[in-house]
Amino acid sequence: MTAVSIEEHPVAGGGPYAVTTGPDGALWYTLVHSGRIGRLVPGDEPAGHPLAPGCGPTIITNGPDGALWFTEYQAHRIGRITVDGEVTEFSLPTPDSGPFGIAAGPDGALWFTETAADRIGRITTGGEITEFPLPAGGAFPSAITAGPDGAMWFTMNQANAIGRIDTDGTVIVHPLPTAAAAPVGITLGPDGALWYVAIAAGHIGRITTEGGIREFPLPDRAGRPHAITPGADGALWFTEWGGNRVGSITADGVIEVHDLPTPGSEPHGIALGPDGALWTALETGALARITRRPLP
């Protein structure tokens, strides 16, 4: 049997929001309040790279070019940072579009959501941008991930649906069974399905590439799950922003939840780290490292 150990690592700057493992074996994270990108090698001191104040960096991901790519929600830009800290920024064609989620696609480009413009965007590593309108207004597309079928899958937070977009821009919308569930995070699971979190309904959802949906309620339906990612143990790990917890769910739907050490720490993004542990960004000012350990 195992238990979960959680260690918090304070980082300078305001508001750690999303985190990912970079190609250099370091953790890279966004600081949404201070307008910075952070870098942490587990065991070392964190470092930061300044952006324009007030730009609101949110989600960060690995690009196919060996750099990190991120969204600037407040500045309506897509950013790129090399492992040496060189930053390039690309303004979007649609004003005030509110880019949020971003992920590498199967076509060698980055795909992103435009929450305020009801569009999915595509940017090449050279900075060429294409936008694809969604079939419904007010959808608030949020997180996005590559599926196993050569398409991108994304959450439609206010349309209460999961969307699929082909690389040619063709969109399919899958409505969710539970009304007003407000899906946010989404990721590809080890079982070949897409797994998402419903922040308003308090459940974890699973959708197959054919559109079959299952929902798994959390023990605390008011926990407000926010982000989800695969772990090294074959489970999906998620954050509960309102419940101050992290949790895991197996492909069979078995859920475990674990309280974070500091009350009100506001966990958002979560990712598998270079050390094999799970790391989550706590908006109150730290990264938390989550590991399983044997019980005595």
Protein backbone atom coordinates (compact mmCIF):
# COMPACT_ATOMS: atom_id res chain seq x y z
CA MET A 1 0.00 0.00 0.00
CA THR A 2 1.08 3.59 -0.59
CA ALA A 3 0.38 7.06 0.76
CA VAL A 4 0.84 10.44 -0.89
CA SER A 5 3.50 12.93 0.15
CA ILE A 6 3.14 16.61 -0.79
CA GLU A 7 5.95 19.16 -0.49
CA GLU A 8 5.52 22.85 -1.28
CA HIS A 9 8.32 24.85 -2.92
CA PRO A 10 7.79 28.64 -2.75
CA VAL A 11 8.60 30.57 -5.93
CA ALA A 12 9.08 34.30 -6.39
CA GLY A 13 6.61 36.32 -8.42
CA GLY A 14 2.86 36.47 -8.35
CA GLY A 15 0.48 33.65 -9.09
CA PRO A 16 1.92 30.36 -10.38
CA TYR A 17 -0.82 29.17 -12.71
CA ALA A 18 0.28 26.46 -15.16
CA VAL A 19 3.28 24.17 -15.20
CA THR A 20 4.95 21.80 -17.67
CA THR A 21 8.21 19.91 -18.08
CA GLY A 22 10.46 21.49 -20.68
CA PRO A 23 12.87 19.81 -23.10
CA ASP A 24 15.75 20.82 -20.81
CA GLY A 25 14.55 18.69 -17.90
CA ALA A 26 13.27 21.68 -15.92
CA LEU A 27 9.80 22.72 -14.78
CA TRP A 28 8.50 25.79 -16.60
CA TYR A 29 5.56 27.70 -15.19
CA THR A 30 3.55 30.86 -15.72
CA LEU A 31 3.21 33.63 -13.14
CA VAL A 32 -0.12 35.11 -14.12
CA HIS A 33 -0.14 38.10 -11.76
CA SER A 34 3.42 39.35 -12.19
CA GLY A 35 3.81 38.68 -15.92
CA ARG A 36 6.73 36.27 -15.74
CA ILE A 37 7.75 32.82 -16.88
CA GLY A 38 9.46 30.73 -14.19
CA ARG A 39 11.91 27.84 -14.43
CA LEU A 40 12.74 25.34 -11.71
CA VAL A 41 15.09 22.38 -11.79
CA PRO A 42 13.95 20.16 -8.91
CA GLY A 43 16.43 20.60 -6.08
CA ASP A 44 17.71 23.99 -7.31
CA GLU A 45 16.57 27.57 -6.82
CA PRO A 46 13.84 28.89 -9.17
CA ALA A 47 14.63 31.46 -11.86
CA GLY A 48 12.34 33.89 -13.67
CA HIS A 49 12.06 35.61 -17.04
CA PRO A 50 10.11 38.89 -17.14
CA LEU A 51 7.40 39.66 -19.68
CA ALA A 52 5.40 42.85 -20.11
CA PRO A 53 3.53 43.75 -16.88
CA GLY A 54 -0.13 42.87 -16.99
CA CYS A 55 0.12 40.45 -19.93
CA GLY A 56 -1.36 37.60 -17.88
CA PRO A 57 0.56 34.49 -19.00
CA THR A 58 -1.65 31.45 -18.45
CA ILE A 59 -1.05 28.04 -20.06
CA ILE A 60 2.43 26.86 -21.12
CA THR A 61 3.39 23.84 -23.23
CA ASN A 62 6.26 22.29 -25.17
CA GLY A 63 6.54 23.21 -28.83
CA PRO A 64 7.88 20.99 -31.61
CA ASP A 65 10.82 23.37 -32.03
CA GLY A 66 12.46 22.80 -28.64
CA ALA A 67 10.98 25.97 -27.13
CA LEU A 68 8.12 26.58 -24.69
CA TRP A 69 4.95 28.26 -25.96
CA PHE A 70 2.42 30.08 -23.80
CA THR A 71 -0.71 32.20 -23.96
CA GLU A 72 -0.95 35.80 -22.73
CA TYR A 73 -4.59 36.08 -21.72
CA GLN A 74 -4.60 39.80 -20.93
CA ALA A 75 -2.31 40.94 -23.75
CA HIS A 76 -4.04 38.75 -26.39
CA ARG A 77 -0.76 37.29 -27.59
CA ILE A 78 0.99 33.97 -28.01
CA GLY A 79 4.47 33.82 -26.54
CA ARG A 80 7.52 31.66 -27.19
CA ILE A 81 10.47 31.25 -24.83
CA THR A 82 13.64 29.32 -25.52
CA VAL A 83 15.35 27.30 -22.80
CA ASP A 84 17.90 30.15 -22.69
CA GLY A 85 15.14 32.64 -21.84
CA GLU A 86 14.75 34.43 -25.20
CA VAL A 87 11.14 35.58 -25.60
CA THR A 88 9.20 36.25 -28.82
CA GLU A 89 5.57 37.38 -28.81
CA PHE A 90 2.91 37.21 -31.53
CA SER A 91 -0.20 39.42 -31.49
CA LEU A 92 -3.43 37.75 -32.59
CA PRO A 93 -5.47 38.95 -35.59
CA THR A 94 -8.71 39.17 -33.59
CA PRO A 95 -8.66 41.94 -30.94
CA ASP A 96 -9.40 41.12 -27.30
CA SER A 97 -9.59 37.41 -28.05
CA GLY A 98 -8.39 36.16 -24.64
CA PRO A 99 -6.14 33.20 -25.56
CA PHE A 100 -6.03 30.59 -22.81
CA GLY A 101 -5.27 26.94 -23.63
CA ILE A 102 -2.41 25.89 -25.92
CA ALA A 103 -1.00 22.54 -27.06
CA ALA A 104 1.17 21.12 -29.81
CA GLY A 105 -0.75 19.57 -32.68
CA PRO A 106 -0.04 16.59 -34.95
CA ASP A 107 0.79 18.96 -37.82
CA GLY A 108 3.86 20.57 -36.26
CA ALA A 109 1.97 23.72 -35.19
CA LEU A 110 0.61 24.99 -31.87
CA TRP A 111 -3.16 25.12 -31.39
CA PHE A 112 -4.83 27.46 -28.90
CA THR A 113 -8.23 28.60 -27.68
CA GLU A 114 -9.60 32.14 -27.89
CA THR A 115 -12.04 32.37 -24.99
CA ALA A 116 -13.55 35.75 -25.83
CA ALA A 117 -13.66 35.32 -29.61
CA ASP A 118 -15.18 31.82 -29.91
CA ARG A 119 -12.32 30.68 -32.08
CA ILE A 120 -9.62 28.05 -32.18
CA GLY A 121 -6.27 29.36 -33.34
CA ARG A 122 -3.27 27.72 -34.99
CA ILE A 123 0.24 29.19 -34.99
CA THR A 124 3.22 27.77 -36.81
CA THR A 125 6.67 27.84 -35.22
CA GLY A 126 7.42 30.70 -37.62
CA GLY A 127 4.53 32.77 -36.23
CA GLU A 128 1.91 32.36 -38.98
CA ILE A 129 -1.57 32.43 -37.41
CA THR A 130 -4.87 31.01 -38.66
CA GLU A 131 -8.17 31.27 -36.78
CA PHE A 132 -11.18 28.96 -37.04
CA PRO A 133 -14.59 30.17 -35.78
CA LEU A 134 -16.71 27.86 -33.64
CA PRO A 135 -20.30 27.08 -34.66
CA ALA A 136 -21.76 28.60 -31.46
CA GLY A 137 -21.29 31.98 -29.81
CA GLY A 138 -20.47 32.44 -26.14
CA ALA A 139 -18.82 29.01 -25.90
CA PHE A 140 -15.71 30.21 -24.01
CA PRO A 141 -13.32 27.54 -25.37
CA SER A 142 -10.78 26.84 -22.63
CA ALA A 143 -8.24 24.00 -22.49
CA ILE A 144 -7.04 22.10 -25.58
CA THR A 145 -5.07 18.91 -26.16
CA ALA A 146 -4.04 16.63 -29.01
CA GLY A 147 -6.20 13.53 -29.38
CA PRO A 148 -5.17 10.05 -30.57
CA ASP A 149 -7.11 10.55 -33.81
CA GLY A 150 -5.05 13.31 -35.43
CA ALA A 151 -7.39 16.05 -34.19
CA MET A 152 -7.36 18.59 -31.36
CA TRP A 153 -9.91 18.30 -28.55
CA PHE A 154 -11.01 21.22 -26.39
CA THR A 155 -13.45 22.18 -23.67
CA MET A 156 -16.29 24.61 -24.37
CA ASN A 157 -16.80 25.96 -20.87
CA GLN A 158 -19.96 28.01 -21.39
CA ALA A 159 -21.45 25.86 -24.16
CA ASN A 160 -21.27 22.81 -21.86
CA ALA A 161 -19.62 20.71 -24.53
CA ILE A 162 -16.40 19.10 -25.71
CA GLY A 163 -15.20 20.15 -29.15
CA ARG A 164 -13.05 18.41 -31.75
CA ILE A 165 -11.26 20.22 -34.57
CA ASP A 166 -9.45 18.62 -37.49
CA THR A 167 -6.30 20.20 -38.84
CA ASP A 168 -8.39 21.52 -41.75
CA GLY A 169 -10.61 23.44 -39.31
CA THR A 170 -13.65 21.13 -39.32
CA VAL A 171 -15.35 21.28 -35.90
CA ILE A 172 -17.55 18.68 -34.20
CA VAL A 173 -19.33 19.52 -30.94
CA HIS A 174 -20.26 16.92 -28.32
CA PRO A 175 -22.81 18.26 -25.77
CA LEU A 176 -22.34 17.04 -22.20
CA PRO A 177 -25.02 15.06 -20.32
CA THR A 178 -24.94 17.21 -17.17
CA ALA A 179 -26.27 20.74 -17.60
CA ALA A 180 -24.01 23.67 -16.74
CA ALA A 181 -21.03 21.41 -15.96
CA ALA A 182 -18.55 24.04 -17.25
CA PRO A 183 -15.64 21.84 -18.42
CA VAL A 184 -12.15 23.39 -18.13
CA GLY A 185 -9.09 21.12 -18.25
CA ILE A 186 -8.72 18.28 -20.76
CA THR A 187 -5.99 15.74 -21.53
CA LEU A 188 -5.37 12.51 -23.41
CA GLY A 189 -5.54 9.51 -21.10
CA PRO A 190 -3.47 6.31 -21.25
CA ASP A 191 -6.60 4.45 -22.40
CA GLY A 192 -6.88 6.45 -25.64
CA ALA A 193 -9.84 8.51 -24.42
CA LEU A 194 -10.00 12.22 -23.55
CA TRP A 195 -10.44 13.06 -19.88
CA TYR A 196 -11.77 16.41 -18.69
CA VAL A 197 -12.77 18.15 -15.46
CA ALA A 198 -16.14 19.84 -14.94
CA ILE A 199 -15.50 22.75 -12.59
CA ALA A 200 -19.15 23.62 -11.88
CA ALA A 201 -20.52 20.06 -11.61
CA GLY A 202 -17.68 18.57 -9.56
CA HIS A 203 -16.96 15.53 -11.67
CA ILE A 204 -14.34 14.01 -13.94
CA GLY A 205 -15.50 13.20 -17.47
CA ARG A 206 -14.26 10.73 -20.07
CA ILE A 207 -15.08 11.00 -23.77
CA THR A 208 -14.06 8.55 -26.47
CA THR A 209 -13.12 9.64 -29.97
CA GLU A 210 -16.57 8.37 -31.06
CA GLY A 211 -18.25 10.72 -28.57
CA GLY A 212 -19.21 8.27 -25.82
CA ILE A 213 -19.23 10.06 -22.44
CA ARG A 214 -18.98 8.83 -18.85
CA GLU A 215 -19.01 11.01 -15.73
CA PHE A 216 -17.38 10.23 -12.39
CA PRO A 217 -18.56 12.39 -9.45
CA LEU A 218 -15.97 13.63 -6.98
CA PRO A 219 -16.43 13.01 -3.25
CA ASP A 220 -16.81 16.79 -2.86
CA ARG A 221 -18.99 18.08 -5.68
CA ALA A 222 -18.05 21.64 -4.66
CA GLY A 223 -14.30 21.01 -5.10
CA ARG A 224 -14.17 22.88 -8.45
CA PRO A 225 -11.73 20.67 -10.39
CA HIS A 226 -9.59 22.76 -12.74
CA ALA A 227 -6.81 20.87 -14.55
CA ILE A 228 -5.98 17.23 -15.36
CA THR A 229 -2.91 15.35 -16.60
CA PRO A 230 -1.62 11.76 -16.90
CA GLY A 231 0.64 10.53 -14.12
CA ALA A 232 3.47 8.00 -14.20
CA ASP A 233 1.27 5.51 -12.33
CA GLY A 234 -1.29 5.05 -15.13
CA ALA A 235 -3.87 7.27 -13.41
CA LEU A 236 -5.08 10.76 -14.30
CA TRP A 237 -4.24 13.45 -11.73
CA PHE A 238 -6.30 16.60 -11.25
CA THR A 239 -6.51 19.71 -9.10
CA GLU A 240 -9.48 20.87 -7.03
CA TRP A 241 -9.19 24.63 -6.93
CA GLY A 242 -12.12 25.10 -4.55
CA GLY A 243 -11.36 22.07 -2.38
CA ASN A 244 -7.63 22.78 -1.90
CA ARG A 245 -6.82 19.26 -3.03
CA VAL A 246 -5.21 17.15 -5.70
CA GLY A 247 -6.67 13.83 -6.74
CA SER A 248 -6.24 10.84 -9.01
CA ILE A 249 -8.65 8.73 -11.03
CA THR A 250 -7.94 5.38 -12.63
CA ALA A 251 -9.26 4.33 -16.02
CA ASP A 252 -11.88 2.32 -14.10
CA GLY A 253 -13.07 5.44 -12.29
CA VAL A 254 -11.52 4.86 -8.85
CA ILE A 255 -10.92 8.27 -7.26
CA GLU A 256 -8.56 9.29 -4.46
CA VAL A 257 -8.21 12.85 -3.16
CA HIS A 258 -5.50 14.43 -1.02
CA ASP A 259 -5.55 17.69 0.91
CA LEU A 260 -2.80 20.22 0.23
CA PRO A 261 -0.71 21.29 3.25
CA THR A 262 -1.53 25.01 3.09
CA PRO A 263 -5.19 26.07 3.32
CA GLY A 264 -6.53 28.16 0.44
CA SER A 265 -3.51 27.55 -1.81
CA GLU A 266 -5.56 27.67 -5.06
CA PRO A 267 -4.15 24.78 -7.12
CA HIS A 268 -4.47 25.26 -10.87
CA GLY A 269 -2.20 23.56 -13.42
CA ILE A 270 -0.69 20.11 -12.88
CA ALA A 271 1.93 18.17 -14.83
CA LEU A 272 4.31 15.24 -14.60
CA GLY A 273 7.73 16.56 -13.65
CA PRO A 274 11.19 15.55 -14.90
CA ASP A 275 11.74 13.66 -11.63
CA GLY A 276 8.71 11.40 -12.09
CA ALA A 277 6.63 13.28 -9.50
CA LEU A 278 3.46 15.29 -10.12
CA TRP A 279 3.82 19.05 -9.76
CA THR A 280 0.99 21.51 -9.35
CA ALA A 281 1.00 25.30 -9.49
CA LEU A 282 -0.44 26.97 -6.39
CA GLU A 283 -1.61 30.48 -7.23
CA THR A 284 -0.78 31.69 -3.73
CA GLY A 285 2.94 31.35 -4.50
CA ALA A 286 4.39 27.85 -4.69
CA LEU A 287 4.81 24.69 -6.72
CA ALA A 288 3.77 21.51 -4.91
CA ARG A 289 5.51 18.18 -5.52
CA ILE A 290 3.31 15.08 -5.15
CA THR A 291 4.72 11.57 -4.78
CA ARG A 292 3.51 8.21 -3.62
CA ARG A 293 5.45 6.52 -0.81
CA PRO A 294 5.13 3.06 0.76
CA LEU A 295 3.24 2.81 4.03
CA PRO A 296 5.31 1.42 6.94
